[in-house]
Amino acid sequence: MPLDQADVDNMDSNGSGKEMSFLDHLEELRWHIIRGLLAIVIGGIVLFIFQDFLFNTVIFGPTKPTFISYRLFCQWSQP
C-alpha cells in the first residue's frame, strides 16, 4: 500500500495497518452519524433553554440603541 494511502494512526509497531471490511466502514459511519445527530440535538436543547438570551442579545441586539455597534455606527455616520 502506498504511504499516502496508509492510515498511520492505525499502524502497529511493524508498520502494517489493519484493513477494514465494508461492514467495519459502515459501523464507523454509523457511529459518526449518531455522534453528529447527538451533538445537534444537545445543541438544539441548549439553544431552546436559552432562547430569550439568543433572540434578545444575539439576534436582535444590534437593533437596540444600547448595543455597542449601534452607537459606533451612529457616531461614524455623523458628518
PDB file of N, CA and C in Angstrom:
ATOM      1  N   MET A   1       0.854  -1.173   0.000  1.00  0.00           N
ATOM      2  CA  MET A   1       0.000   0.000   0.000  1.00  0.00           C
ATOM      3  C   MET A   1       0.900   1.236   0.000  1.00  0.00           C
ATOM      4  N   PRO A   2       0.606   2.218  -0.852  1.00  0.00           N
ATOM      5  CA  PRO A   2       1.401   3.442  -0.875  1.00  0.00           C
ATOM      6  C   PRO A   2       1.281   4.181   0.451  1.00  0.00           C
ATOM      7  N   LEU A   3       2.321   4.916   0.788  1.00  0.00           N
ATOM      8  CA  LEU A   3       2.364   5.600   2.079  1.00  0.00           C
ATOM      9  C   LEU A   3       1.277   6.664   2.194  1.00  0.00           C
ATOM     10  N   ASP A   4       0.906   7.313   1.091  1.00  0.00           N
ATOM     11  CA  ASP A   4      -0.119   8.346   1.178  1.00  0.00           C
ATOM     12  C   ASP A   4      -1.508   7.763   1.396  1.00  0.00           C
ATOM     13  N   GLN A   5      -1.688   6.453   1.204  1.00  0.00           N
ATOM     14  CA  GLN A   5      -2.973   5.812   1.447  1.00  0.00           C
ATOM     15  C   GLN A   5      -2.973   5.029   2.751  1.00  0.00           C
ATOM     16  N   ALA A   6      -1.863   4.979   3.433  1.00  0.00           N
ATOM     17  CA  ALA A   6      -1.759   4.232   4.683  1.00  0.00           C
ATOM     18  C   ALA A   6      -2.339   5.059   5.824  1.00  0.00           C
ATOM     19  N   ASP A   7      -3.042   4.406   6.724  1.00  0.00           N
ATOM     20  CA  ASP A   7      -3.571   5.061   7.910  1.00  0.00           C
ATOM     21  C   ASP A   7      -2.518   4.948   9.005  1.00  0.00           C
ATOM     22  N   VAL A   8      -1.728   5.984   9.162  1.00  0.00           N
ATOM     23  CA  VAL A   8      -0.575   5.960  10.057  1.00  0.00           C
ATOM     24  C   VAL A   8      -1.008   5.759  11.505  1.00  0.00           C
ATOM     25  N   ASP A   9      -2.182   6.277  11.895  1.00  0.00           N
ATOM     26  CA  ASP A   9      -2.629   6.151  13.277  1.00  0.00           C
ATOM     27  C   ASP A   9      -2.957   4.712  13.650  1.00  0.00           C
ATOM     28  N   ASN A  10      -3.376   3.885  12.686  1.00  0.00           N
ATOM     29  CA  ASN A  10      -3.764   2.508  12.981  1.00  0.00           C
ATOM     30  C   ASN A  10      -2.648   1.498  12.716  1.00  0.00           C
ATOM     31  N   MET A  11      -1.450   1.935  12.455  1.00  0.00           N
ATOM     32  CA  MET A  11      -0.347   1.005  12.205  1.00  0.00           C
ATOM     33  C   MET A  11       0.238   0.514  13.513  1.00  0.00           C
ATOM     34  N   ASP A  12       0.606  -0.745  13.551  1.00  0.00           N
ATOM     35  CA  ASP A  12       1.266  -1.262  14.743  1.00  0.00           C
ATOM     36  C   ASP A  12       2.781  -1.074  14.605  1.00  0.00           C
ATOM     37  N   SER A  13       3.546  -1.674  15.482  1.00  0.00           N
ATOM     38  CA  SER A  13       4.983  -1.408  15.542  1.00  0.00           C
ATOM     39  C   SER A  13       5.734  -1.867  14.296  1.00  0.00           C
ATOM     40  N   ASN A  14       5.250  -2.901  13.588  1.00  0.00           N
ATOM     41  CA  ASN A  14       5.979  -3.352  12.395  1.00  0.00           C
ATOM     42  C   ASN A  14       5.515  -2.636  11.125  1.00  0.00           C
ATOM     43  N   GLY A  15       4.585  -1.673  11.232  1.00  0.00           N
ATOM     44  CA  GLY A  15       4.235  -0.844  10.091  1.00  0.00           C
ATOM     45  C   GLY A  15       3.076  -1.342   9.240  1.00  0.00           C
ATOM     46  N   SER A  16       2.473  -2.471   9.580  1.00  0.00           N
ATOM     47  CA  SER A  16       1.350  -2.950   8.779  1.00  0.00           C
ATOM     48  C   SER A  16       0.051  -2.441   9.393  1.00  0.00           C
ATOM     49  N   GLY A  17      -0.801  -1.829   8.578  1.00  0.00           N
ATOM     50  CA  GLY A  17      -2.055  -1.285   9.053  1.00  0.00           C
ATOM     51  C   GLY A  17      -3.146  -2.332   9.057  1.00  0.00           C
ATOM     52  N   LYS A  18      -4.161  -2.135   9.867  1.00  0.00           N
ATOM     53  CA  LYS A  18      -5.286  -3.054   9.943  1.00  0.00           C
ATOM     54  C   LYS A  18      -6.267  -2.711   8.829  1.00  0.00           C
ATOM     55  N   GLU A  19      -6.615  -3.691   8.009  1.00  0.00           N
ATOM     56  CA  GLU A  19      -7.583  -3.489   6.932  1.00  0.00           C
ATOM     57  C   GLU A  19      -8.993  -3.558   7.498  1.00  0.00           C
ATOM     58  N   MET A  20      -9.857  -2.656   7.055  1.00  0.00           N
ATOM     59  CA  MET A  20     -11.251  -2.666   7.493  1.00  0.00           C
ATOM     60  C   MET A  20     -12.127  -3.235   6.394  1.00  0.00           C
ATOM     61  N   SER A  21     -13.096  -4.053   6.788  1.00  0.00           N
ATOM     62  CA  SER A  21     -14.032  -4.592   5.813  1.00  0.00           C
ATOM     63  C   SER A  21     -15.110  -3.547   5.522  1.00  0.00           C
ATOM     64  N   PHE A  22     -15.958  -3.847   4.566  1.00  0.00           N
ATOM     65  CA  PHE A  22     -17.041  -2.937   4.202  1.00  0.00           C
ATOM     66  C   PHE A  22     -17.976  -2.722   5.385  1.00  0.00           C
ATOM     67  N   LEU A  23     -18.285  -3.778   6.109  1.00  0.00           N
ATOM     68  CA  LEU A  23     -19.176  -3.656   7.265  1.00  0.00           C
ATOM     69  C   LEU A  23     -18.518  -2.864   8.396  1.00  0.00           C
ATOM     70  N   ASP A  24     -17.204  -2.978   8.527  1.00  0.00           N
ATOM     71  CA  ASP A  24     -16.498  -2.160   9.517  1.00  0.00           C
ATOM     72  C   ASP A  24     -16.594  -0.680   9.166  1.00  0.00           C
ATOM     73  N   HIS A  25     -16.503  -0.372   7.882  1.00  0.00           N
ATOM     74  CA  HIS A  25     -16.659   1.020   7.441  1.00  0.00           C
ATOM     75  C   HIS A  25     -18.074   1.517   7.711  1.00  0.00           C
ATOM     76  N   LEU A  26     -19.067   0.665   7.476  1.00  0.00           N
ATOM     77  CA  LEU A  26     -20.448   1.055   7.755  1.00  0.00           C
ATOM     78  C   LEU A  26     -20.665   1.280   9.250  1.00  0.00           C
ATOM     79  N   GLU A  27     -20.059   0.457  10.073  1.00  0.00           N
ATOM     80  CA  GLU A  27     -20.160   0.630  11.521  1.00  0.00           C
ATOM     81  C   GLU A  27     -19.535   1.957  11.944  1.00  0.00           C
ATOM     82  N   GLU A  28     -18.376   2.268  11.388  1.00  0.00           N
ATOM     83  CA  GLU A  28     -17.708   3.533  11.693  1.00  0.00           C
ATOM     84  C   GLU A  28     -18.566   4.725  11.246  1.00  0.00           C
ATOM     85  N   LEU A  29     -19.164   4.631  10.072  1.00  0.00           N
ATOM     86  CA  LEU A  29     -20.041   5.689   9.564  1.00  0.00           C
ATOM     87  C   LEU A  29     -21.265   5.852  10.452  1.00  0.00           C
ATOM     88  N   ARG A  30     -21.811   4.729  10.897  1.00  0.00           N
ATOM     89  CA  ARG A  30     -22.991   4.784  11.765  1.00  0.00           C
ATOM     90  C   ARG A  30     -22.683   5.541  13.053  1.00  0.00           C
ATOM     91  N   TRP A  31     -21.519   5.285  13.657  1.00  0.00           N
ATOM     92  CA  TRP A  31     -21.177   5.982  14.893  1.00  0.00           C
ATOM     93  C   TRP A  31     -20.897   7.456  14.655  1.00  0.00           C
ATOM     94  N   HIS A  32     -20.330   7.806  13.518  1.00  0.00           N
ATOM     95  CA  HIS A  32     -20.130   9.232  13.200  1.00  0.00           C
ATOM     96  C   HIS A  32     -21.475   9.934  13.041  1.00  0.00           C
ATOM     97  N   ILE A  33     -22.417   9.291  12.394  1.00  0.00           N
ATOM     98  CA  ILE A  33     -23.752   9.880  12.217  1.00  0.00           C
ATOM     99  C   ILE A  33     -24.462  10.014  13.558  1.00  0.00           C
ATOM    100  N   ILE A  34     -24.372   9.003  14.404  1.00  0.00           N
ATOM    101  CA  ILE A  34     -25.019   9.053  15.720  1.00  0.00           C
ATOM    102  C   ILE A  34     -24.421  10.172  16.558  1.00  0.00           C
ATOM    103  N   ARG A  35     -23.095  10.295  16.579  1.00  0.00           N
ATOM    104  CA  ARG A  35     -22.460  11.371  17.352  1.00  0.00           C
ATOM    105  C   ARG A  35     -22.837  12.743  16.806  1.00  0.00           C
ATOM    106  N   GLY A  36     -22.921  12.870  15.488  1.00  0.00           N
ATOM    107  CA  GLY A  36     -23.311  14.152  14.896  1.00  0.00           C
ATOM    108  C   GLY A  36     -24.734  14.538  15.250  1.00  0.00           C
ATOM    109  N   LEU A  37     -25.659  13.578  15.143  1.00  0.00           N
ATOM    110  CA  LEU A  37     -27.051  13.851  15.494  1.00  0.00           C
ATOM    111  C   LEU A  37     -27.205  14.151  16.978  1.00  0.00           C
ATOM    112  N   LEU A  38     -26.454  13.461  17.816  1.00  0.00           N
ATOM    113  CA  LEU A  38     -26.498  13.723  19.247  1.00  0.00           C
ATOM    114  C   LEU A  38     -26.017  15.145  19.552  1.00  0.00           C
ATOM    115  N   ALA A  39     -24.967  15.586  18.886  1.00  0.00           N
ATOM    116  CA  ALA A  39     -24.469  16.949  19.095  1.00  0.00           C
ATOM    117  C   ALA A  39     -25.504  17.981  18.642  1.00  0.00           C
ATOM    118  N   ILE A  40     -26.177  17.719  17.529  1.00  0.00           N
ATOM    119  CA  ILE A  40     -27.202  18.649  17.040  1.00  0.00           C
ATOM    120  C   ILE A  40     -28.373  18.715  17.997  1.00  0.00           C
ATOM    121  N   VAL A  41     -28.807  17.563  18.519  1.00  0.00           N
ATOM    122  CA  VAL A  41     -29.940  17.536  19.456  1.00  0.00           C
ATOM    123  C   VAL A  41     -29.574  18.248  20.757  1.00  0.00           C
ATOM    124  N   ILE A  42     -28.391  17.990  21.296  1.00  0.00           N
ATOM    125  CA  ILE A  42     -27.980  18.653  22.533  1.00  0.00           C
ATOM    126  C   ILE A  42     -27.851  20.166  22.313  1.00  0.00           C
ATOM    127  N   GLY A  43     -27.279  20.563  21.188  1.00  0.00           N
ATOM    128  CA  GLY A  43     -27.185  21.989  20.875  1.00  0.00           C
ATOM    129  C   GLY A  43     -28.559  22.629  20.740  1.00  0.00           C
ATOM    130  N   GLY A  44     -29.494  21.931  20.117  1.00  0.00           N
ATOM    131  CA  GLY A  44     -30.856  22.448  19.989  1.00  0.00           C
ATOM    132  C   GLY A  44     -31.547  22.606  21.325  1.00  0.00           C
ATOM    133  N   ILE A  45     -31.342  21.641  22.223  1.00  0.00           N
ATOM    134  CA  ILE A  45     -31.943  21.727  23.555  1.00  0.00           C
ATOM    135  C   ILE A  45     -31.364  22.904  24.328  1.00  0.00           C
ATOM    136  N   VAL A  46     -30.045  23.078  24.269  1.00  0.00           N
ATOM    137  CA  VAL A  46     -29.408  24.200  24.972  1.00  0.00           C
ATOM    138  C   VAL A  46     -29.900  25.531  24.412  1.00  0.00           C
ATOM    139  N   LEU A  47     -29.988  25.645  23.083  1.00  0.00           N
ATOM    140  CA  LEU A  47     -30.486  26.896  22.487  1.00  0.00           C
ATOM    141  C   LEU A  47     -31.949  27.131  22.810  1.00  0.00           C
ATOM    142  N   PHE A  48     -32.736  26.057  22.926  1.00  0.00           N
ATOM    143  CA  PHE A  48     -34.148  26.217  23.301  1.00  0.00           C
ATOM    144  C   PHE A  48     -34.270  26.722  24.732  1.00  0.00           C
ATOM    145  N   ILE A  49     -33.410  26.222  25.619  1.00  0.00           N
ATOM    146  CA  ILE A  49     -33.449  26.666  27.015  1.00  0.00           C
ATOM    147  C   ILE A  49     -33.055  28.138  27.117  1.00  0.00           C
ATOM    148  N   PHE A  50     -32.058  28.564  26.357  1.00  0.00           N
ATOM    149  CA  PHE A  50     -31.579  29.944  26.406  1.00  0.00           C
ATOM    150  C   PHE A  50     -32.103  30.769  25.228  1.00  0.00           C
ATOM    151  N   GLN A  51     -33.336  30.507  24.794  1.00  0.00           N
ATOM    152  CA  GLN A  51     -33.855  31.201  23.623  1.00  0.00           C
ATOM    153  C   GLN A  51     -34.063  32.692  23.853  1.00  0.00           C
ATOM    154  N   ASP A  52     -34.408  33.097  25.070  1.00  0.00           N
ATOM    155  CA  ASP A  52     -34.564  34.538  25.336  1.00  0.00           C
ATOM    156  C   ASP A  52     -33.243  35.274  25.155  1.00  0.00           C
ATOM    157  N   PHE A  53     -32.173  34.713  25.715  1.00  0.00           N
ATOM    158  CA  PHE A  53     -30.853  35.316  25.543  1.00  0.00           C
ATOM    159  C   PHE A  53     -30.458  35.329  24.072  1.00  0.00           C
ATOM    160  N   LEU A  54     -30.708  34.230  23.378  1.00  0.00           N
ATOM    161  CA  LEU A  54     -30.325  34.116  21.976  1.00  0.00           C
ATOM    162  C   LEU A  54     -31.027  35.177  21.126  1.00  0.00           C
ATOM    163  N   PHE A  55     -32.326  35.296  21.282  1.00  0.00           N
ATOM    164  CA  PHE A  55     -33.059  36.250  20.453  1.00  0.00           C
ATOM    165  C   PHE A  55     -32.821  37.696  20.876  1.00  0.00           C
ATOM    166  N   ASN A  56     -32.894  37.968  22.179  1.00  0.00           N
ATOM    167  CA  ASN A  56     -32.789  39.360  22.634  1.00  0.00           C
ATOM    168  C   ASN A  56     -31.385  39.918  22.543  1.00  0.00           C
ATOM    169  N   THR A  57     -30.369  39.111  22.769  1.00  0.00           N
ATOM    170  CA  THR A  57     -28.999  39.611  22.817  1.00  0.00           C
ATOM    171  C   THR A  57     -28.245  39.376  21.518  1.00  0.00           C
ATOM    172  N   VAL A  58     -28.333  38.183  20.981  1.00  0.00           N
ATOM    173  CA  VAL A  58     -27.518  37.831  19.821  1.00  0.00           C
ATOM    174  C   VAL A  58     -28.177  38.262  18.515  1.00  0.00           C
ATOM    175  N   ILE A  59     -29.446  37.923  18.330  1.00  0.00           N
ATOM    176  CA  ILE A  59     -30.090  38.177  17.039  1.00  0.00           C
ATOM    177  C   ILE A  59     -30.610  39.613  16.937  1.00  0.00           C
ATOM    178  N   PHE A  60     -31.379  40.063  17.956  1.00  0.00           N
ATOM    179  CA  PHE A  60     -31.975  41.398  17.892  1.00  0.00           C
ATOM    180  C   PHE A  60     -31.176  42.449  18.657  1.00  0.00           C
ATOM    181  N   GLY A  61     -30.043  42.079  19.212  1.00  0.00           N
ATOM    182  CA  GLY A  61     -29.210  43.025  19.964  1.00  0.00           C
ATOM    183  C   GLY A  61     -28.761  44.227  19.157  1.00  0.00           C
ATOM    184  N   PRO A  62     -28.303  44.053  17.918  1.00  0.00           N
ATOM    185  CA  PRO A  62     -27.833  45.206  17.149  1.00  0.00           C
ATOM    186  C   PRO A  62     -28.913  46.232  16.810  1.00  0.00           C
ATOM    187  N   THR A  63     -30.188  45.922  17.009  1.00  0.00           N
ATOM    188  CA  THR A  63     -31.252  46.886  16.709  1.00  0.00           C
ATOM    189  C   THR A  63     -31.540  47.808  17.893  1.00  0.00           C
ATOM    190  N   LYS A  64     -30.943  47.531  19.052  1.00  0.00           N
ATOM    191  CA  LYS A  64     -31.194  48.343  20.249  1.00  0.00           C
ATOM    192  C   LYS A  64     -30.163  49.468  20.339  1.00  0.00           C
ATOM    193  N   PRO A  65     -30.575  50.662  20.759  1.00  0.00           N
ATOM    194  CA  PRO A  65     -29.634  51.796  20.853  1.00  0.00           C
ATOM    195  C   PRO A  65     -28.518  51.586  21.874  1.00  0.00           C
ATOM    196  N   THR A  66     -28.664  50.666  22.803  1.00  0.00           N
ATOM    197  CA  THR A  66     -27.621  50.426  23.804  1.00  0.00           C
ATOM    198  C   THR A  66     -26.542  49.468  23.309  1.00  0.00           C
ATOM    199  N   PHE A  67     -26.728  48.883  22.153  1.00  0.00           N
ATOM    200  CA  PHE A  67     -25.751  47.933  21.626  1.00  0.00           C
ATOM    201  C   PHE A  67     -24.522  48.693  21.121  1.00  0.00           C
ATOM    202  N   ILE A  68     -23.337  48.160  21.359  1.00  0.00           N
ATOM    203  CA  ILE A  68     -22.088  48.892  21.083  1.00  0.00           C
ATOM    204  C   ILE A  68     -21.935  49.240  19.604  1.00  0.00           C
ATOM    205  N   SER A  69     -22.228  48.317  18.710  1.00  0.00           N
ATOM    206  CA  SER A  69     -22.045  48.619  17.288  1.00  0.00           C
ATOM    207  C   SER A  69     -23.100  49.613  16.799  1.00  0.00           C
ATOM    208  N   TYR A  70     -24.280  49.607  17.397  1.00  0.00           N
ATOM    209  CA  TYR A  70     -25.313  50.576  17.031  1.00  0.00           C
ATOM    210  C   TYR A  70     -24.810  51.989  17.324  1.00  0.00           C
ATOM    211  N   ARG A  71     -24.223  52.179  18.502  1.00  0.00           N
ATOM    212  CA  ARG A  71     -23.704  53.503  18.876  1.00  0.00           C
ATOM    213  C   ARG A  71     -22.526  53.904  17.997  1.00  0.00           C
ATOM    214  N   LEU A  72     -21.636  52.943  17.705  1.00  0.00           N
ATOM    215  CA  LEU A  72     -20.478  53.263  16.860  1.00  0.00           C
ATOM    216  C   LEU A  72     -20.901  53.656  15.448  1.00  0.00           C
ATOM    217  N   PHE A  73     -21.838  52.910  14.867  1.00  0.00           N
ATOM    218  CA  PHE A  73     -22.293  53.243  13.514  1.00  0.00           C
ATOM    219  C   PHE A  73     -23.002  54.591  13.470  1.00  0.00           C
ATOM    220  N   CYS A  74     -23.729  54.917  14.533  1.00  0.00           N
ATOM    221  CA  CYS A  74     -24.377  56.237  14.594  1.00  0.00           C
ATOM    222  C   CYS A  74     -23.330  57.350  14.675  1.00  0.00           C
ATOM    223  N   GLN A  75     -22.268  57.123  15.453  1.00  0.00           N
ATOM    224  CA  GLN A  75     -21.209  58.130  15.558  1.00  0.00           C
ATOM    225  C   GLN A  75     -20.463  58.271  14.250  1.00  0.00           C
ATOM    226  N   TRP A  76     -20.185  57.182  13.578  1.00  0.00           N
ATOM    227  CA  TRP A  76     -19.452  57.216  12.316  1.00  0.00           C
ATOM    228  C   TRP A  76     -20.258  57.818  11.180  1.00  0.00           C
ATOM    229  N   SER A  77     -21.586  57.744  11.282  1.00  0.00           N
ATOM    230  CA  SER A  77     -22.400  58.277  10.195  1.00  0.00           C
ATOM    231  C   SER A  77     -22.601  59.791  10.301  1.00  0.00           C
ATOM    232  N   GLN A  78     -22.252  60.372  11.428  1.00  0.00           N
ATOM    233  CA  GLN A  78     -22.389  61.818  11.594  1.00  0.00           C
ATOM    234  C   GLN A  78     -21.260  62.525  10.862  1.00  0.00           C
ATOM    235  N   PRO A  79     -21.576  63.610  10.124  1.00  0.00           N
ATOM    236  CA  PRO A  79     -20.516  64.330   9.381  1.00  0.00           C
ATOM    237  C   PRO A  79     -19.592  65.128  10.263  1.00  0.00           C
TER     238      PRO A  79
END
